[in-house]
């Protein structure tokens, strides 16, 4: 049951020196000011939030400048006159976990305003307005809540659209007619689904129907704004909820048609293939769970090390240690690393519609769907304005390789196959294995456990082979420069052929990954090609 704070409790929350200085500033200027939107919503929900937005019935810029002066040294005010907004940032010392640290705070200021829109643009015509005008322009009732900052009414909650009721009921609804809300600013459709996903709320029926009616309006929004909301959905605790809602209202077919295309099941001669859309969402949820468990495991291991070792040994052990599943114990994955790992899960099967074939003997097949899917990643990233750098290449790699471990596990786990997997995956091998294990969605429990057992065997082989042969991020012990010097050659096909033969021989286990053994192999292979080494003086 959601506990709604009283005015006294809200006032107590605003008793910090910074809010008190802000309150004194607006009182001294004879203006009304309110904290609005996400900060109020998240405080009531008990969620952490640092995004403080203040609406001033008057000039937000002037209040920001006066507040900045009150804060004094360490505070800075940035003014954005074209938008009628200002931002105050300041640094201060605080104590966190018993340690004194520098912390940065910021507050956004804007004057109360009313907005109107033209049909072909999401840029509003803005006029000065009242608090009521400002709350009316908000996207959802739960974001239209305002708390007064003036001392006489400190902590008073202004809720003209039933936002508190919707918070209690877990509902996303618009303050006004949802068709107008979404048509005026179509990005709000993405925000609607994003908030429903992040908060695990339901979208009110009339609001959801307006999503479907206005879905085509999303095309006037820049890809950068859309992908920002989509990434927030992907990073949610249960991102599949957002993708189901996007698909239900028809937005997914416009934004990410490659994923929507997976929602089809064909039957022939009584044989069906699985619905790869819902399979993909299950894989995504499995990956999210595994990412969370891996981080819990990492923190637990570090805590054990810190309590069992002297300080001087702890840091060394943290940097050198991996757990039995290859989880690094030194650094937490970055937000980007988590995000693009999930993108790989989301896109891992997008090649299936193009690769689907019917075979009279074995039924439906999806041969080479991993390769076709990999080829689809770059055009998709380019269209969505996602980065075309190493993050895209990482997603391409995982999509391309996601069938390799299962193929190894299905057969006898040979050293050669494991070496080649290590060579191709490099430092991304642990992420690949996590994705592949998340890809096990069979409803047959015995079959699922067999897959897990085989993957455990593959993981152990990966550890053993890497310790013995050092294949991860493999560099040949005899490189092209040494070969050219040895035979007095310029770059040519023969050099490439020798390098390729050496790589295959090492990966197949025919030659140890050592310089002298590799050089001996090169000399023997070159002799068969009619090449003789230079005589050394």
Protein backbone atom coordinates (compact mmCIF):
# COMPACT_ATOMS: atom_id res chain seq x y z
CA UNK A 1 0.00 0.00 0.00
CA UNK A 2 1.48 3.33 -1.07
CA UNK A 3 1.99 5.73 1.84
CA UNK A 4 1.08 9.27 0.79
CA UNK A 5 3.20 11.81 2.71
CA UNK A 6 1.47 14.56 4.67
CA UNK A 7 2.25 18.24 4.14
CA UNK A 8 4.34 18.14 7.32
CA UNK A 9 6.37 15.21 5.99
CA UNK A 10 6.93 16.95 2.65
CA UNK A 11 7.95 20.13 4.48
CA UNK A 12 10.40 18.13 6.59
CA UNK A 13 11.90 16.69 3.40
CA UNK A 14 12.47 20.27 2.19
CA UNK A 15 14.34 21.24 5.35
CA UNK A 16 17.83 20.79 3.88
CA UNK A 17 19.93 23.99 3.77
CA UNK A 18 19.65 24.15 -0.02
CA UNK A 19 15.85 23.94 -0.15
CA UNK A 20 15.67 26.41 2.74
CA UNK A 21 17.85 28.89 0.83
CA UNK A 22 15.69 28.39 -2.25
CA UNK A 23 12.52 28.95 -0.21
CA UNK A 24 13.96 32.14 1.31
CA UNK A 25 15.01 33.36 -2.15
CA UNK A 26 11.54 33.06 -3.72
CA UNK A 27 9.87 34.57 -0.64
CA UNK A 28 12.24 37.53 -0.74
CA UNK A 29 11.39 38.06 -4.43
CA UNK A 30 7.65 37.85 -3.72
CA UNK A 31 7.15 34.93 -6.15
CA UNK A 32 5.48 31.52 -5.97
CA UNK A 33 7.66 28.49 -6.68
CA UNK A 34 7.01 24.76 -6.79
CA UNK A 35 8.98 21.55 -7.19
CA UNK A 36 7.22 19.63 -9.96
CA UNK A 37 7.33 16.40 -11.89
CA UNK A 38 9.62 13.43 -11.47
CA UNK A 39 11.25 14.47 -8.18
CA UNK A 40 7.85 14.69 -6.46
CA UNK A 41 6.63 11.47 -8.07
CA UNK A 42 9.75 9.51 -7.10
CA UNK A 43 9.80 10.85 -3.54
CA UNK A 44 6.24 9.61 -3.01
CA UNK A 45 7.10 6.24 -4.57
CA UNK A 46 10.25 5.94 -2.46
CA UNK A 47 12.51 5.90 -5.52
CA UNK A 48 15.86 7.73 -5.60
CA UNK A 49 15.86 10.89 -7.73
CA UNK A 50 18.24 13.79 -8.20
CA UNK A 51 16.36 15.59 -11.00
CA UNK A 52 14.88 18.63 -9.23
CA UNK A 53 12.68 20.82 -11.45
CA UNK A 54 11.34 24.10 -10.09
CA UNK A 55 8.49 26.06 -11.68
CA UNK A 56 8.30 29.74 -10.81
CA UNK A 57 5.16 31.80 -11.35
CA UNK A 58 7.30 34.55 -12.83
CA UNK A 59 10.87 34.50 -14.12
CA UNK A 60 12.60 31.19 -13.48
CA UNK A 61 15.86 32.65 -14.78
CA UNK A 62 15.84 35.51 -12.27
CA UNK A 63 15.13 33.13 -9.38
CA UNK A 64 17.95 30.82 -10.53
CA UNK A 65 20.42 33.71 -10.64
CA UNK A 66 19.38 34.96 -7.18
CA UNK A 67 19.55 31.42 -5.73
CA UNK A 68 23.03 30.92 -7.21
CA UNK A 69 24.23 34.08 -5.40
CA UNK A 70 22.78 32.75 -2.15
CA UNK A 71 24.74 29.51 -2.53
CA UNK A 72 27.95 31.47 -3.05
CA UNK A 73 31.30 29.87 -3.85
CA UNK A 74 31.13 26.62 -5.82
CA UNK A 75 27.77 27.43 -7.44
CA UNK A 76 27.28 28.14 -11.13
CA UNK A 77 24.19 29.29 -13.05
CA UNK A 78 23.71 28.45 -16.74
CA UNK A 79 21.00 30.40 -18.57
CA UNK A 80 19.20 29.16 -21.70
CA UNK A 81 17.19 32.21 -22.74
CA UNK A 82 15.87 30.63 -25.95
CA UNK A 83 14.06 28.08 -23.79
CA UNK A 84 13.35 30.36 -20.83
CA UNK A 85 15.20 28.00 -18.49
CA UNK A 86 18.21 28.07 -16.18
CA UNK A 87 20.25 25.47 -14.34
CA UNK A 88 22.10 25.93 -11.07
CA UNK A 89 24.90 23.49 -10.23
CA UNK A 90 27.00 23.46 -7.10
CA UNK A 91 29.54 21.20 -5.43
CA UNK A 92 29.74 20.56 -1.72
CA UNK A 93 31.27 18.18 0.79
CA UNK A 94 29.11 15.42 2.23
CA UNK A 95 29.61 12.17 4.12
CA UNK A 96 28.78 8.88 2.37
CA UNK A 97 29.49 5.54 4.07
CA UNK A 98 31.68 7.32 6.60
CA UNK A 99 33.81 9.06 3.98
CA UNK A 100 33.93 12.75 3.12
CA UNK A 101 33.31 13.16 -0.62
CA UNK A 102 32.58 15.98 -3.05
CA UNK A 103 29.04 15.80 -4.41
CA UNK A 104 27.46 17.77 -7.24
CA UNK A 105 23.84 18.94 -7.09
CA UNK A 106 21.70 20.68 -9.68
CA UNK A 107 18.27 22.28 -9.96
CA UNK A 108 16.46 23.23 -13.18
CA UNK A 109 14.35 26.43 -13.17
CA UNK A 110 11.60 27.49 -15.56
CA UNK A 111 8.83 30.06 -15.49
CA UNK A 112 5.26 28.75 -15.43
CA UNK A 113 4.00 28.64 -19.00
CA UNK A 114 1.29 27.45 -21.31
CA UNK A 115 1.98 25.85 -24.68
CA UNK A 116 0.29 25.37 -28.04
CA UNK A 117 1.47 23.27 -30.96
CA UNK A 118 1.26 23.20 -34.75
CA UNK A 119 0.44 19.85 -36.40
CA UNK A 120 3.80 19.31 -38.11
CA UNK A 121 6.12 20.10 -35.21
CA UNK A 122 6.67 19.13 -31.58
CA UNK A 123 8.13 22.58 -30.84
CA UNK A 124 5.51 24.52 -28.89
CA UNK A 125 4.49 28.15 -28.99
CA UNK A 126 5.19 29.23 -25.40
CA UNK A 127 3.52 31.97 -23.35
CA UNK A 128 3.80 32.96 -19.70
CA UNK A 129 1.18 31.24 -17.59
CA UNK A 130 -0.04 30.20 -14.16
CA UNK A 131 0.82 27.09 -12.18
CA UNK A 132 -2.43 25.56 -13.45
CA UNK A 133 -1.37 26.29 -17.06
CA UNK A 134 1.99 24.65 -16.39
CA UNK A 135 0.47 21.54 -14.86
CA UNK A 136 -1.93 21.21 -17.78
CA UNK A 137 0.98 21.01 -20.24
CA UNK A 138 2.56 18.09 -18.35
CA UNK A 139 2.57 14.69 -20.04
CA UNK A 140 1.02 12.48 -17.32
CA UNK A 141 -0.96 13.00 -14.15
CA UNK A 142 1.81 11.46 -12.02
CA UNK A 143 4.24 14.03 -13.47
CA UNK A 144 1.90 16.98 -12.86
CA UNK A 145 2.24 16.90 -9.06
CA UNK A 146 3.67 20.08 -7.51
CA UNK A 147 4.93 20.85 -3.99
CA UNK A 148 5.00 24.47 -2.80
CA UNK A 149 8.37 25.95 -1.78
CA UNK A 150 7.06 29.15 -0.16
CA UNK A 151 7.42 29.08 3.64
CA UNK A 152 3.77 29.93 4.30
CA UNK A 153 2.63 26.85 2.32
CA UNK A 154 5.83 24.77 2.46
CA UNK A 155 5.16 21.14 1.53
CA UNK A 156 1.61 21.77 0.27
CA UNK A 157 0.85 19.32 -2.55
CA UNK A 158 -1.02 20.65 -5.60
CA UNK A 159 -2.67 17.79 -7.52
CA UNK A 160 -5.36 19.02 -9.93
CA UNK A 161 -5.51 15.86 -12.08
CA UNK A 162 -5.58 13.00 -9.60
CA UNK A 163 -1.90 12.12 -9.89
CA UNK A 164 -1.83 10.76 -6.32
CA UNK A 165 -4.72 8.43 -7.09
CA UNK A 166 -2.93 7.20 -10.21
CA UNK A 167 0.27 6.64 -8.22
CA UNK A 168 -1.70 4.54 -5.72
CA UNK A 169 -3.42 2.57 -8.50
CA UNK A 170 -0.29 2.20 -10.65
CA UNK A 171 -1.81 3.97 -13.66
CA UNK A 172 -0.28 6.03 -16.47
CA UNK A 173 -2.84 8.58 -17.73
CA UNK A 174 -2.68 12.01 -19.34
CA UNK A 175 -4.00 15.13 -17.55
CA UNK A 176 -6.04 16.18 -20.59
CA UNK A 177 -7.37 14.50 -23.74
CA UNK A 178 -4.66 11.91 -24.61
CA UNK A 179 -5.15 12.46 -28.35
CA UNK A 180 -4.19 16.10 -27.90
CA UNK A 181 -1.34 15.22 -25.52
CA UNK A 182 0.21 12.72 -27.95
CA UNK A 183 -0.52 14.65 -31.14
CA UNK A 184 1.02 17.83 -29.68
CA UNK A 185 4.24 16.03 -28.69
CA UNK A 186 4.44 12.48 -30.09
CA UNK A 187 7.57 11.71 -28.02
CA UNK A 188 5.16 11.46 -25.10
CA UNK A 189 3.98 8.15 -26.56
CA UNK A 190 7.45 6.70 -25.99
CA UNK A 191 7.59 8.29 -22.55
CA UNK A 192 4.21 6.76 -21.72
CA UNK A 193 5.50 3.26 -22.40
CA UNK A 194 8.85 4.01 -20.78
CA UNK A 195 7.22 5.10 -17.50
CA UNK A 196 4.85 2.12 -17.55
CA UNK A 197 7.90 -0.14 -17.96
CA UNK A 198 10.15 1.51 -15.38
CA UNK A 199 7.41 1.82 -12.73
CA UNK A 200 5.61 -1.42 -13.65
CA UNK A 201 2.37 0.59 -14.07
CA UNK A 202 -0.58 -0.08 -16.36
CA UNK A 203 -1.50 2.34 -19.13
CA UNK A 204 -5.04 3.62 -18.66
CA UNK A 205 -7.35 2.25 -21.40
CA UNK A 206 -8.27 5.55 -23.07
CA UNK A 207 -4.63 6.63 -22.99
CA UNK A 208 -3.53 3.35 -24.59
CA UNK A 209 -6.15 3.63 -27.35
CA UNK A 210 -4.77 7.11 -28.12
CA UNK A 211 -1.30 5.57 -28.53
CA UNK A 212 -2.67 3.37 -31.31
CA UNK A 213 -4.55 6.22 -32.97
CA UNK A 214 -1.54 8.55 -32.95
CA UNK A 215 1.28 6.09 -33.63
CA UNK A 216 2.09 7.51 -37.10
CA UNK A 217 2.89 10.86 -35.45
CA UNK A 218 6.07 9.32 -34.03
CA UNK A 219 7.62 9.78 -37.50
CA UNK A 220 8.05 13.53 -36.91
CA UNK A 221 10.30 12.84 -33.90
CA UNK A 222 14.05 12.64 -34.43
CA UNK A 223 15.65 9.22 -34.18
CA UNK A 224 17.93 10.53 -31.41
CA UNK A 225 14.95 11.36 -29.16
CA UNK A 226 13.22 8.06 -29.88
CA UNK A 227 16.32 5.96 -29.22
CA UNK A 228 16.92 7.77 -25.93
CA UNK A 229 13.51 6.56 -24.70
CA UNK A 230 13.99 3.10 -26.20
CA UNK A 231 17.32 2.68 -24.42
CA UNK A 232 15.67 3.60 -21.12
CA UNK A 233 13.08 0.88 -21.76
CA UNK A 234 15.86 -1.63 -22.50
CA UNK A 235 17.63 -0.70 -19.25
CA UNK A 236 14.49 -1.18 -17.16
CA UNK A 237 14.22 -4.02 -14.65
CA UNK A 238 11.73 -5.83 -16.92
CA UNK A 239 12.21 -4.41 -20.44
CA UNK A 240 9.97 -7.00 -22.11
CA UNK A 241 6.92 -5.18 -20.70
CA UNK A 242 7.82 -2.10 -22.74
CA UNK A 243 8.31 -4.05 -25.96
CA UNK A 244 4.98 -5.83 -25.55
CA UNK A 245 3.25 -2.46 -25.10
CA UNK A 246 5.12 -0.95 -28.07
CA UNK A 247 4.00 -3.91 -30.19
CA UNK A 248 0.40 -3.84 -28.92
CA UNK A 249 -0.12 -0.21 -29.89
CA UNK A 250 1.70 -0.48 -33.24
CA UNK A 251 4.70 1.73 -32.45
CA UNK A 252 7.18 -1.15 -32.64
CA UNK A 253 6.40 -1.82 -36.32
CA UNK A 254 7.38 1.80 -37.05
CA UNK A 255 10.43 2.07 -34.78
CA UNK A 256 11.89 -1.44 -34.89
CA UNK A 257 10.17 -3.44 -37.66
CA UNK A 258 12.94 -6.08 -37.59
CA UNK A 259 11.81 -7.10 -34.10
CA UNK A 260 8.08 -6.85 -34.84
CA UNK A 261 8.59 -9.16 -37.84
CA UNK A 262 9.45 -11.99 -35.44
CA UNK A 263 5.85 -12.15 -34.19
CA UNK A 264 4.63 -14.83 -36.57
CA UNK A 265 4.04 -18.57 -36.28
CA UNK A 266 3.61 -20.63 -39.43
CA UNK A 267 2.26 -24.17 -39.54
CA UNK A 268 2.75 -26.72 -42.30
CA UNK A 269 1.85 -30.39 -42.19
CA UNK A 270 0.94 -29.97 -38.54
CA UNK A 271 4.37 -28.61 -37.61
CA UNK A 272 4.87 -25.13 -36.18
CA UNK A 273 7.94 -23.12 -35.31
CA UNK A 274 8.05 -21.08 -32.08
CA UNK A 275 7.07 -17.43 -31.91
CA UNK A 276 10.48 -15.79 -32.09
CA UNK A 277 9.20 -12.41 -30.85
CA UNK A 278 8.15 -13.75 -27.47
CA UNK A 279 11.19 -16.04 -27.42
CA UNK A 280 13.40 -12.96 -27.87
CA UNK A 281 11.70 -11.16 -25.00
CA UNK A 282 12.19 -14.22 -22.80
CA UNK A 283 15.89 -14.26 -23.73
CA UNK A 284 16.13 -10.56 -22.88
CA UNK A 285 14.53 -11.14 -19.47
CA UNK A 286 16.85 -14.10 -18.84
CA UNK A 287 19.86 -11.94 -19.68
CA UNK A 288 18.71 -9.16 -17.35
CA UNK A 289 18.42 -11.71 -14.55
CA UNK A 290 21.87 -13.12 -15.31
CA UNK A 291 23.41 -9.65 -15.39
CA UNK A 292 21.91 -8.95 -11.98
CA UNK A 293 23.10 -12.26 -10.54
CA UNK A 294 26.59 -11.71 -11.96
CA UNK A 295 26.82 -8.30 -10.28
CA UNK A 296 25.57 -9.73 -6.97
CA UNK A 297 28.15 -12.50 -7.28
CA UNK A 298 30.92 -9.98 -8.06
CA UNK A 299 30.08 -7.83 -5.04
CA UNK A 300 29.81 -10.88 -2.79
CA UNK A 301 33.22 -12.16 -3.91
CA UNK A 302 34.81 -8.75 -3.35
CA UNK A 303 33.27 -8.57 0.13
CA UNK A 304 34.70 -12.00 0.95
CA UNK A 305 38.13 -10.95 -0.28
CA UNK A 306 38.05 -7.73 1.71
CA UNK A 307 37.24 -9.55 4.94
CA UNK A 308 39.69 -12.42 4.43
CA UNK A 309 42.81 -10.62 3.16
CA UNK A 310 45.03 -7.79 4.38
CA UNK A 311 44.38 -4.49 2.57
CA UNK A 312 47.61 -4.76 0.57
CA UNK A 313 46.54 -8.13 -0.84
CA UNK A 314 42.88 -7.28 -1.47
CA UNK A 315 43.40 -4.92 -4.42
CA UNK A 316 45.81 -7.33 -6.13
CA UNK A 317 43.41 -10.24 -5.74
CA UNK A 318 40.46 -8.17 -6.99
CA UNK A 319 42.33 -7.30 -10.18
CA UNK A 320 43.55 -10.85 -10.80
CA UNK A 321 40.47 -12.90 -9.96
CA UNK A 322 37.56 -14.27 -11.94
CA UNK A 323 34.88 -16.51 -10.53
CA UNK A 324 34.06 -19.92 -11.96
CA UNK A 325 31.69 -18.36 -14.53
CA UNK A 326 34.27 -15.92 -15.80
CA UNK A 327 32.71 -12.94 -13.98
CA UNK A 328 35.29 -10.21 -13.43
CA UNK A 329 35.71 -9.26 -9.80
CA UNK A 330 37.47 -5.94 -10.36
CA UNK A 331 35.09 -3.48 -12.05
CA UNK A 332 31.34 -3.33 -12.44
CA UNK A 333 30.09 -3.26 -16.04
CA UNK A 334 29.32 0.23 -17.29
CA UNK A 335 25.82 1.35 -18.20
CA UNK A 336 26.83 1.17 -21.88
CA UNK A 337 28.16 -2.37 -21.49
CA UNK A 338 24.90 -3.49 -19.87
CA UNK A 339 22.83 -1.69 -22.53
CA UNK A 340 24.54 -3.10 -25.60
CA UNK A 341 24.68 -6.60 -24.13
CA UNK A 342 20.87 -6.32 -23.95
CA UNK A 343 20.76 -4.96 -27.51
CA UNK A 344 22.57 -8.13 -28.61
CA UNK A 345 19.89 -10.23 -26.90
CA UNK A 346 17.13 -8.16 -28.50
CA UNK A 347 18.59 -8.58 -32.00
CA UNK A 348 20.08 -12.07 -31.79
CA UNK A 349 17.31 -13.70 -33.88
CA UNK A 350 16.35 -10.86 -36.27
CA UNK A 351 17.79 -12.89 -39.16
CA UNK A 352 15.20 -15.66 -38.74
CA UNK A 353 12.45 -14.26 -40.99
CA UNK A 354 14.91 -14.00 -43.90
CA UNK A 355 16.41 -17.43 -43.28
CA UNK A 356 13.18 -19.40 -42.63
CA UNK A 357 12.76 -22.41 -44.91
CA UNK A 358 10.56 -25.51 -44.94
CA UNK A 359 12.24 -28.90 -45.17
CA UNK A 360 9.91 -31.86 -45.80
CA UNK A 361 12.05 -34.11 -43.61
CA UNK A 362 12.95 -31.93 -40.63
CA UNK A 363 10.36 -29.14 -40.76
CA UNK A 364 11.13 -25.45 -40.30
CA UNK A 365 14.78 -24.38 -40.48
CA UNK A 366 16.61 -21.10 -39.86
CA UNK A 367 20.06 -21.88 -41.26
CA UNK A 368 22.58 -19.01 -41.08
CA UNK A 369 20.10 -16.74 -39.28
CA UNK A 370 22.97 -15.62 -37.05
CA UNK A 371 25.01 -14.40 -40.05
CA UNK A 372 22.00 -12.74 -41.71
CA UNK A 373 21.11 -11.10 -38.40
CA UNK A 374 24.65 -9.81 -37.99
CA UNK A 375 24.44 -8.19 -41.45
CA UNK A 376 21.22 -6.41 -40.39
CA UNK A 377 22.75 -4.78 -37.30
CA UNK A 378 24.65 -1.94 -38.99
CA UNK A 379 21.75 -0.64 -41.14
CA UNK A 380 19.49 -0.84 -38.08
CA UNK A 381 21.98 1.06 -35.90
CA UNK A 382 22.45 3.68 -38.60
CA UNK A 383 18.69 4.23 -38.97
CA UNK A 384 18.15 4.52 -35.21
CA UNK A 385 21.17 6.81 -34.76
CA UNK A 386 22.82 4.29 -32.48
CA UNK A 387 26.64 4.44 -32.35
CA UNK A 388 28.48 2.90 -35.30
CA UNK A 389 31.66 2.33 -33.29
CA UNK A 390 32.98 -0.59 -31.23
CA UNK A 391 29.63 -0.91 -29.46
CA UNK A 392 27.94 -1.76 -32.77
CA UNK A 393 30.74 -4.20 -33.65
CA UNK A 394 30.27 -5.84 -30.27
CA UNK A 395 26.55 -6.40 -30.99
CA UNK A 396 27.39 -7.71 -34.47
CA UNK A 397 29.88 -10.14 -32.97
CA UNK A 398 27.47 -11.54 -30.38
CA UNK A 399 24.64 -11.88 -32.91
CA UNK A 400 26.98 -13.68 -35.32
CA UNK A 401 28.50 -16.02 -32.73
CA UNK A 402 25.45 -16.82 -30.60
CA UNK A 403 24.94 -20.24 -32.23
CA UNK A 404 28.56 -21.36 -31.90
CA UNK A 405 28.58 -22.49 -28.24
CA UNK A 406 25.39 -24.50 -28.66
CA UNK A 407 26.80 -26.20 -31.75
CA UNK A 408 29.93 -27.07 -29.77
CA UNK A 409 27.84 -28.31 -26.85
CA UNK A 410 25.68 -30.45 -29.14
CA UNK A 411 28.79 -32.23 -30.43
CA UNK A 412 31.82 -33.49 -28.57
CA UNK A 413 33.54 -30.46 -27.04
CA UNK A 414 36.82 -30.54 -28.97
CA UNK A 415 39.83 -28.41 -28.06
CA UNK A 416 39.98 -27.13 -31.63
CA UNK A 417 36.40 -25.86 -31.59
CA UNK A 418 36.94 -24.16 -28.23
CA UNK A 419 40.18 -22.52 -29.43
CA UNK A 420 38.39 -21.09 -32.47
CA UNK A 421 35.54 -19.82 -30.32
CA UNK A 422 38.03 -18.12 -28.00
CA UNK A 423 39.86 -16.64 -30.98
CA UNK A 424 36.70 -15.23 -32.56
CA UNK A 425 35.08 -13.98 -29.34
CA UNK A 426 38.19 -12.55 -27.66
CA UNK A 427 37.41 -10.54 -24.53
CA UNK A 428 33.67 -10.83 -25.23
CA UNK A 429 33.59 -14.58 -24.61
CA UNK A 430 32.00 -14.22 -21.14
CA UNK A 431 29.24 -11.94 -22.49
CA UNK A 432 28.66 -14.39 -25.35
CA UNK A 433 28.31 -17.34 -22.98
CA UNK A 434 25.89 -15.38 -20.79
CA UNK A 435 23.77 -14.55 -23.86
CA UNK A 436 23.81 -18.16 -25.02
CA UNK A 437 22.70 -19.45 -21.63
CA UNK A 438 19.91 -16.82 -21.61
CA UNK A 439 18.89 -18.21 -25.03
CA UNK A 440 17.80 -21.50 -23.43
CA UNK A 441 14.02 -21.13 -23.27
CA UNK A 442 12.90 -24.72 -23.80
CA UNK A 443 9.78 -25.73 -21.87
CA UNK A 444 11.20 -29.27 -21.63
CA UNK A 445 12.98 -29.18 -18.26
CA UNK A 446 15.19 -32.19 -18.98
CA UNK A 447 16.32 -30.73 -22.31
CA UNK A 448 17.00 -27.38 -20.62
CA UNK A 449 19.14 -29.03 -17.92
CA UNK A 450 21.09 -30.91 -20.59
CA UNK A 451 21.87 -27.61 -22.32
CA UNK A 452 23.05 -26.07 -19.05
CA UNK A 453 25.24 -29.10 -18.34
CA UNK A 454 26.80 -28.90 -21.80
CA UNK A 455 27.43 -25.18 -21.42
CA UNK A 456 29.10 -25.83 -18.08
CA UNK A 457 31.42 -28.24 -19.87
CA UNK A 458 32.11 -25.62 -22.57
CA UNK A 459 32.87 -22.98 -19.90
CA UNK A 460 35.36 -25.29 -18.20
CA UNK A 461 37.00 -26.06 -21.54
CA UNK A 462 37.29 -22.33 -22.21
CA UNK A 463 39.13 -21.85 -18.93
CA UNK A 464 41.42 -24.84 -19.47
CA UNK A 465 42.29 -23.99 -23.08
CA UNK A 466 42.95 -20.32 -22.26
CA UNK A 467 45.26 -21.23 -19.38
CA UNK A 468 47.17 -23.63 -21.59
CA UNK A 469 47.21 -21.91 -25.01
CA UNK A 470 46.49 -18.19 -24.34
CA UNK A 471 44.13 -17.93 -27.34
CA UNK A 472 41.93 -15.06 -26.14
CA UNK A 473 42.97 -11.97 -28.16
CA UNK A 474 45.42 -14.23 -29.94
CA UNK A 475 48.37 -12.64 -31.74
CA UNK A 476 50.54 -15.03 -33.83
CA UNK A 477 53.94 -15.68 -32.22
CA UNK A 478 55.48 -15.14 -35.68
CA UNK A 479 53.95 -12.12 -37.40
CA UNK A 480 53.92 -10.88 -41.00
CA UNK A 481 56.88 -8.53 -40.50
CA UNK A 482 59.10 -11.36 -39.26
CA UNK A 483 58.03 -13.60 -42.15
CA UNK A 484 58.83 -10.86 -44.72
CA UNK A 485 62.27 -10.31 -43.19
CA UNK A 486 62.92 -14.04 -43.00
CA UNK A 487 62.26 -14.59 -46.72
CA UNK A 488 63.12 -11.07 -47.98
CA UNK A 489 59.60 -10.57 -49.31
CA UNK A 490 57.32 -7.59 -49.70
CA UNK A 491 53.60 -7.92 -48.81
CA UNK A 492 52.14 -10.65 -51.04
CA UNK A 493 49.73 -13.58 -51.15
CA UNK A 494 52.40 -15.97 -49.85
CA UNK A 495 52.74 -14.00 -46.60
CA UNK A 496 48.98 -14.12 -46.07
CA UNK A 497 48.88 -17.84 -46.79
CA UNK A 498 51.66 -18.56 -44.28
CA UNK A 499 50.00 -16.45 -41.56
CA UNK A 500 46.64 -18.13 -42.17
CA UNK A 501 48.20 -21.62 -42.09
CA UNK A 502 49.97 -20.81 -38.82
CA UNK A 503 46.77 -19.49 -37.24
CA UNK A 504 44.84 -22.62 -38.26
CA UNK A 505 47.61 -24.92 -37.02
CA UNK A 506 47.67 -23.25 -33.61
CA UNK A 507 43.87 -23.18 -33.28
CA UNK A 508 43.67 -26.84 -34.33
CA UNK A 509 46.27 -27.73 -31.70
CA UNK A 510 48.87 -28.92 -34.21
CA UNK A 511 51.41 -26.30 -33.14
CA UNK A 512 51.93 -24.83 -29.64
CA UNK A 513 51.30 -21.10 -29.30
CA UNK A 514 55.04 -20.45 -28.91
CA UNK A 515 57.57 -18.59 -31.06
CA UNK A 516 60.10 -21.37 -31.77
CA UNK A 517 57.46 -23.99 -32.60
CA UNK A 518 55.61 -21.47 -34.79
CA UNK A 519 58.83 -20.49 -36.61
CA UNK A 520 59.63 -24.14 -37.29
CA UNK A 521 56.13 -24.59 -38.76
CA UNK A 522 56.58 -21.52 -41.00
CA UNK A 523 59.90 -22.76 -42.34
CA UNK A 524 58.49 -26.18 -43.19
CA UNK A 525 55.34 -24.76 -44.80
CA UNK A 526 57.39 -22.20 -46.77
CA UNK A 527 59.67 -24.95 -48.11
CA UNK A 528 56.60 -26.73 -49.54
CA UNK A 529 55.71 -23.45 -51.26
CA UNK A 530 59.19 -23.17 -52.77
CA UNK A 531 60.33 -20.34 -50.46
CA UNK A 532 63.79 -20.33 -48.94
CA UNK A 533 64.84 -18.18 -45.98
CA UNK A 534 67.54 -15.53 -46.34
CA UNK A 535 70.96 -16.68 -45.25
CA UNK A 536 71.89 -14.93 -42.03
CA UNK A 537 75.27 -13.14 -42.06
